[in-house]
């Protein structure tokens, strides 16, 4: 092979290597741009999660200032630092992040997905009433008013048994009980429904579901009816 042929072969090899290096540089630049874009998107997602948690905490009365500060985050993607999943408190199953920034970003995405899932579960629970959460609003109101009316009728019975009046004066006790106890039962039912019968996290227009007419009818009918039964049994047994 002549010297010119050797020179041309070297030029071709150099050109091939240069093109390969350019492709590698372009691929690395594209990879870095992808990592930067993913990191920016993750930062926006985490910021949105933080704002959502702030709103949820304010709604349930637990401001984020009362939550202990998280440990400092590990270095960002691409700097080869330590940290990552190993630095996450209470997550022994995560393990240490690998050195690959793309793997770190993927792991952060999985953790963000898990945080979203827990956040949705917490919000779903916060949108359910504390009292009888699986019941419908009318059924919950009926149960509360009926329970308060039952307690009121028992209070009537206690007042009847413990009254120092003779039997002839029981009519006065009955009249007073039939007038006041149903009203107190109704007010107690209103309080219970307003306090525990509405979701912790609710829209401003969401009613408390107190069903005022229904509650008044239940308390006005159940308590006196049960008291009449108690009174009849009391007089039969004397």
Protein backbone atom coordinates (compact mmCIF):
# COMPACT_ATOMS: atom_id res chain seq x y z
CA UNK A 1 0.00 0.00 0.00
CA UNK A 2 1.32 3.38 -0.97
CA UNK A 3 1.81 6.17 1.48
CA UNK A 4 -1.13 8.04 -0.03
CA UNK A 5 -3.45 5.07 0.49
CA UNK A 6 -2.33 4.76 4.10
CA UNK A 7 -2.93 8.47 4.58
CA UNK A 8 -6.42 8.25 3.08
CA UNK A 9 -7.26 5.25 5.28
CA UNK A 10 -6.16 7.16 8.37
CA UNK A 11 -8.26 10.15 7.30
CA UNK A 12 -11.31 7.92 6.86
CA UNK A 13 -10.74 6.30 10.27
CA UNK A 14 -10.30 9.68 11.91
CA UNK A 15 -13.46 10.94 10.22
CA UNK A 16 -15.37 7.87 11.39
CA UNK A 17 -14.16 8.31 14.94
CA UNK A 18 -15.00 12.00 14.83
CA UNK A 19 -18.53 11.29 13.65
CA UNK A 20 -18.87 8.64 16.37
CA UNK A 21 -17.66 11.12 18.96
CA UNK A 22 -20.08 13.73 17.70
CA UNK A 23 -22.93 11.25 17.92
CA UNK A 24 -21.86 10.29 21.44
CA UNK A 25 -21.69 13.96 22.46
CA UNK A 26 -25.12 14.61 20.92
CA UNK A 27 -26.55 11.55 22.69
CA UNK A 28 -25.06 12.68 26.00
CA UNK A 29 -26.44 16.17 25.51
CA UNK A 30 -29.85 14.74 24.71
CA UNK A 31 -29.66 12.52 27.80
CA UNK A 32 -28.78 15.49 29.98
CA UNK A 33 -31.62 17.52 28.50
CA UNK A 34 -34.00 14.63 29.22
CA UNK A 35 -32.75 14.38 32.78
CA UNK A 36 -33.08 18.11 33.28
CA UNK A 37 -36.59 18.09 31.85
CA UNK A 38 -37.53 15.15 34.08
CA UNK A 39 -36.03 16.86 37.13
CA UNK A 40 -37.93 20.07 36.35
CA UNK A 41 -41.17 18.13 35.93
CA UNK A 42 -40.53 16.28 39.20
CA UNK A 43 -39.87 19.57 40.96
CA UNK A 44 -43.17 20.98 39.70
CA UNK A 45 -44.96 17.80 40.75
CA UNK A 46 -43.48 17.91 44.25
CA UNK A 47 -44.38 21.57 44.56
CA UNK A 48 -47.97 20.76 43.59
CA UNK A 49 -48.02 17.92 46.12
CA UNK A 50 -46.75 20.28 48.82
CA UNK A 51 -49.43 22.86 48.02
CA UNK A 52 -52.10 20.16 48.08
CA UNK A 53 -50.87 18.92 51.46
CA UNK A 54 -50.93 22.50 52.75
CA UNK A 55 -54.58 22.85 51.72
CA UNK A 56 -55.48 19.44 53.16
CA UNK A 57 -53.68 20.18 56.43
CA UNK A 58 -55.37 23.56 56.77
CA UNK A 59 -58.77 21.95 56.13
CA UNK A 60 -58.31 19.31 58.83
CA UNK A 61 -56.70 21.75 61.28
CA UNK A 62 -53.14 20.42 61.05
CA UNK A 63 -50.96 23.13 59.53
CA UNK A 64 -47.82 21.99 57.76
CA UNK A 65 -45.75 24.05 60.19
CA UNK A 66 -46.63 21.45 62.83
CA UNK A 67 -45.16 18.64 60.72
CA UNK A 68 -41.48 17.90 61.46
CA UNK A 69 -39.13 19.08 58.76
CA UNK A 70 -37.91 16.40 56.40
CA UNK A 71 -34.17 15.68 56.27
CA UNK A 72 -32.22 17.52 53.57
CA UNK A 73 -32.68 16.00 50.16
CA UNK A 74 -29.79 14.25 48.48
CA UNK A 75 -27.94 15.81 45.55
CA UNK A 76 -29.81 16.20 42.34
CA UNK A 77 -29.50 13.94 39.32
CA UNK A 78 -26.16 13.81 37.65
CA UNK A 79 -23.84 14.88 40.43
CA UNK A 80 -23.09 11.37 41.65
CA UNK A 81 -23.73 12.19 45.31
CA UNK A 82 -25.07 9.85 47.96
CA UNK A 83 -28.51 9.96 49.53
CA UNK A 84 -31.62 9.20 47.60
CA UNK A 85 -33.79 6.37 48.86
CA UNK A 86 -31.37 5.54 51.67
CA UNK A 87 -31.96 8.99 53.12
CA UNK A 88 -35.75 8.60 53.13
CA UNK A 89 -36.89 8.16 56.75
CA UNK A 90 -39.01 5.15 57.58
CA UNK A 91 -38.47 3.51 54.19
CA UNK A 92 -36.05 0.61 54.76
CA UNK A 93 -37.44 -1.18 51.71
CA UNK A 94 -36.31 1.54 49.31
CA UNK A 95 -32.59 1.01 49.71
CA UNK A 96 -29.90 3.24 48.32
CA UNK A 97 -30.33 4.88 44.97
CA UNK A 98 -28.01 3.63 42.27
CA UNK A 99 -25.48 6.00 40.82
CA UNK A 100 -27.42 6.34 37.55
CA UNK A 101 -29.30 9.68 37.59
CA UNK A 102 -32.04 8.23 35.38
CA UNK A 103 -32.59 5.46 37.92
CA UNK A 104 -32.68 8.06 40.69
CA UNK A 105 -35.30 10.03 38.78
CA UNK A 106 -37.34 6.87 38.14
CA UNK A 107 -37.22 5.98 41.84
CA UNK A 108 -38.30 9.50 42.76
CA UNK A 109 -41.20 9.14 40.33
CA UNK A 110 -42.30 5.90 41.97
CA UNK A 111 -42.15 7.53 45.40
CA UNK A 112 -44.14 10.49 44.09
CA UNK A 113 -46.74 8.08 42.69
CA UNK A 114 -46.99 6.42 46.09
CA UNK A 115 -47.34 9.81 47.77
CA UNK A 116 -50.13 10.69 45.34
CA UNK A 117 -51.91 7.45 46.17
CA UNK A 118 -51.69 8.05 49.91
CA UNK A 119 -52.80 11.63 49.39
CA UNK A 120 -55.89 10.52 47.48
CA UNK A 121 -56.71 7.99 50.19
CA UNK A 122 -56.33 10.64 52.92
CA UNK A 123 -58.50 13.10 50.99
CA UNK A 124 -61.15 10.43 50.43
CA UNK A 125 -61.22 9.73 54.17
CA UNK A 126 -61.37 13.45 54.96
CA UNK A 127 -64.40 13.80 52.68
CA UNK A 128 -66.33 11.17 54.67
CA UNK A 129 -68.07 11.99 57.97
CA UNK A 130 -66.52 10.71 61.16
CA UNK A 131 -69.85 9.34 62.36
CA UNK A 132 -71.15 6.32 60.41
CA UNK A 133 -69.05 7.11 57.33
CA UNK A 134 -70.47 4.25 55.25
CA UNK A 135 -74.09 5.37 55.77
CA UNK A 136 -76.03 7.75 53.58
CA UNK A 137 -76.82 11.20 54.97
CA UNK A 138 -80.56 10.52 55.55
CA UNK A 139 -79.88 7.17 57.22
CA UNK A 140 -77.24 8.78 59.44
CA UNK A 141 -79.67 11.53 60.46
CA UNK A 142 -82.42 9.03 61.27
CA UNK A 143 -80.02 6.95 63.38
CA UNK A 144 -78.74 9.98 65.30
CA UNK A 145 -82.18 11.46 66.01
CA UNK A 146 -83.60 8.06 66.95
CA UNK A 147 -80.67 7.45 69.30
CA UNK A 148 -81.09 10.86 70.92
CA UNK A 149 -84.84 10.26 71.26
CA UNK A 150 -84.15 6.90 72.91
CA UNK A 151 -81.76 8.52 75.37
CA UNK A 152 -84.35 11.22 76.02
CA UNK A 153 -87.01 8.62 76.77
CA UNK A 154 -84.65 6.94 79.21
CA UNK A 155 -84.12 10.30 80.91
CA UNK A 156 -87.89 10.58 81.17
CA UNK A 157 -88.02 7.20 82.84
CA UNK A 158 -85.30 8.17 85.30
CA UNK A 159 -87.17 11.35 86.16
CA UNK A 160 -90.35 9.35 86.58
CA UNK A 161 -88.83 6.71 88.84
CA UNK A 162 -86.88 9.21 90.91
CA UNK A 163 -89.71 11.70 91.27
CA UNK A 164 -90.90 12.27 94.88
CA UNK A 165 -94.40 13.09 93.63
CA UNK A 166 -97.19 10.63 94.35
CA UNK A 167 -98.82 8.70 91.58
CA UNK A 168 -101.47 11.39 91.22
CA UNK A 169 -98.73 13.91 90.45
CA UNK A 170 -97.13 11.86 87.73
CA UNK A 171 -99.20 13.61 85.12
CA UNK A 172 -97.25 16.81 85.82
CA UNK A 173 -93.93 14.99 85.42
CA UNK A 174 -95.20 13.40 82.21
CA UNK A 175 -96.30 16.75 80.81
CA UNK A 176 -93.02 18.42 81.63
CA UNK A 177 -91.01 15.49 80.23
CA UNK A 178 -93.05 15.26 77.04
CA UNK A 179 -92.55 18.97 76.46
CA UNK A 180 -88.87 19.41 77.32
CA UNK A 181 -87.11 16.12 76.64
CA UNK A 182 -88.02 15.87 72.94
CA UNK A 183 -86.74 19.39 72.45
CA UNK A 184 -83.48 18.53 74.21
CA UNK A 185 -83.21 15.34 72.14
CA UNK A 186 -83.68 17.36 68.97
CA UNK A 187 -81.01 19.89 69.98
CA UNK A 188 -78.63 17.06 70.92
CA UNK A 189 -79.18 15.43 67.51
CA UNK A 190 -78.50 18.74 65.79
CA UNK A 191 -75.25 19.12 67.70
CA UNK A 192 -74.07 15.57 66.98
CA UNK A 193 -74.75 15.88 63.26
CA UNK A 194 -73.14 19.30 63.03
CA UNK A 195 -70.06 18.12 64.92
CA UNK A 196 -69.51 14.59 63.60
CA UNK A 197 -72.02 14.16 60.80
CA UNK A 198 -70.28 16.18 58.12
CA UNK A 199 -66.96 15.58 56.35
CA UNK A 200 -63.82 17.13 57.78
CA UNK A 201 -62.94 18.31 54.29
CA UNK A 202 -66.04 19.72 52.64
CA UNK A 203 -66.91 22.45 50.21
CA UNK A 204 -68.31 25.66 51.60
CA UNK A 205 -71.71 24.92 50.10
CA UNK A 206 -71.88 21.39 51.52
CA UNK A 207 -74.73 21.23 54.05
CA UNK A 208 -74.22 19.56 57.40
CA UNK A 209 -77.00 17.07 56.60
CA UNK A 210 -78.94 17.78 59.79
CA UNK A 211 -82.43 17.24 58.27
CA UNK A 212 -84.22 19.59 60.67
CA UNK A 213 -87.87 18.69 59.90
CA UNK A 214 -87.14 14.96 59.96
CA UNK A 215 -85.29 15.24 63.25
CA UNK A 216 -88.02 17.29 64.87
CA UNK A 217 -90.67 14.75 63.87
CA UNK A 218 -88.60 11.80 65.11
CA UNK A 219 -87.82 13.40 68.47
CA UNK A 220 -91.38 14.66 68.93
CA UNK A 221 -92.85 11.22 68.28
CA UNK A 222 -90.32 8.68 69.56
CA UNK A 223 -89.52 10.15 72.98
CA UNK A 224 -93.16 10.70 74.12
CA UNK A 225 -94.23 7.36 72.67
CA UNK A 226 -91.54 5.47 74.53
CA UNK A 227 -92.26 7.48 77.66
CA UNK A 228 -95.93 6.53 77.47
CA UNK A 229 -94.88 2.90 77.30
CA UNK A 230 -92.62 3.39 80.32
CA UNK A 231 -95.38 5.19 82.19
CA UNK A 232 -97.87 2.43 81.46
CA UNK A 233 -95.46 -0.24 82.61
CA UNK A 234 -94.56 1.80 85.69
CA UNK A 235 -98.18 2.15 86.74
CA UNK A 236 -98.95 -1.52 86.04
CA UNK A 237 -96.03 -2.65 88.14
CA UNK A 238 -96.78 -0.41 91.15
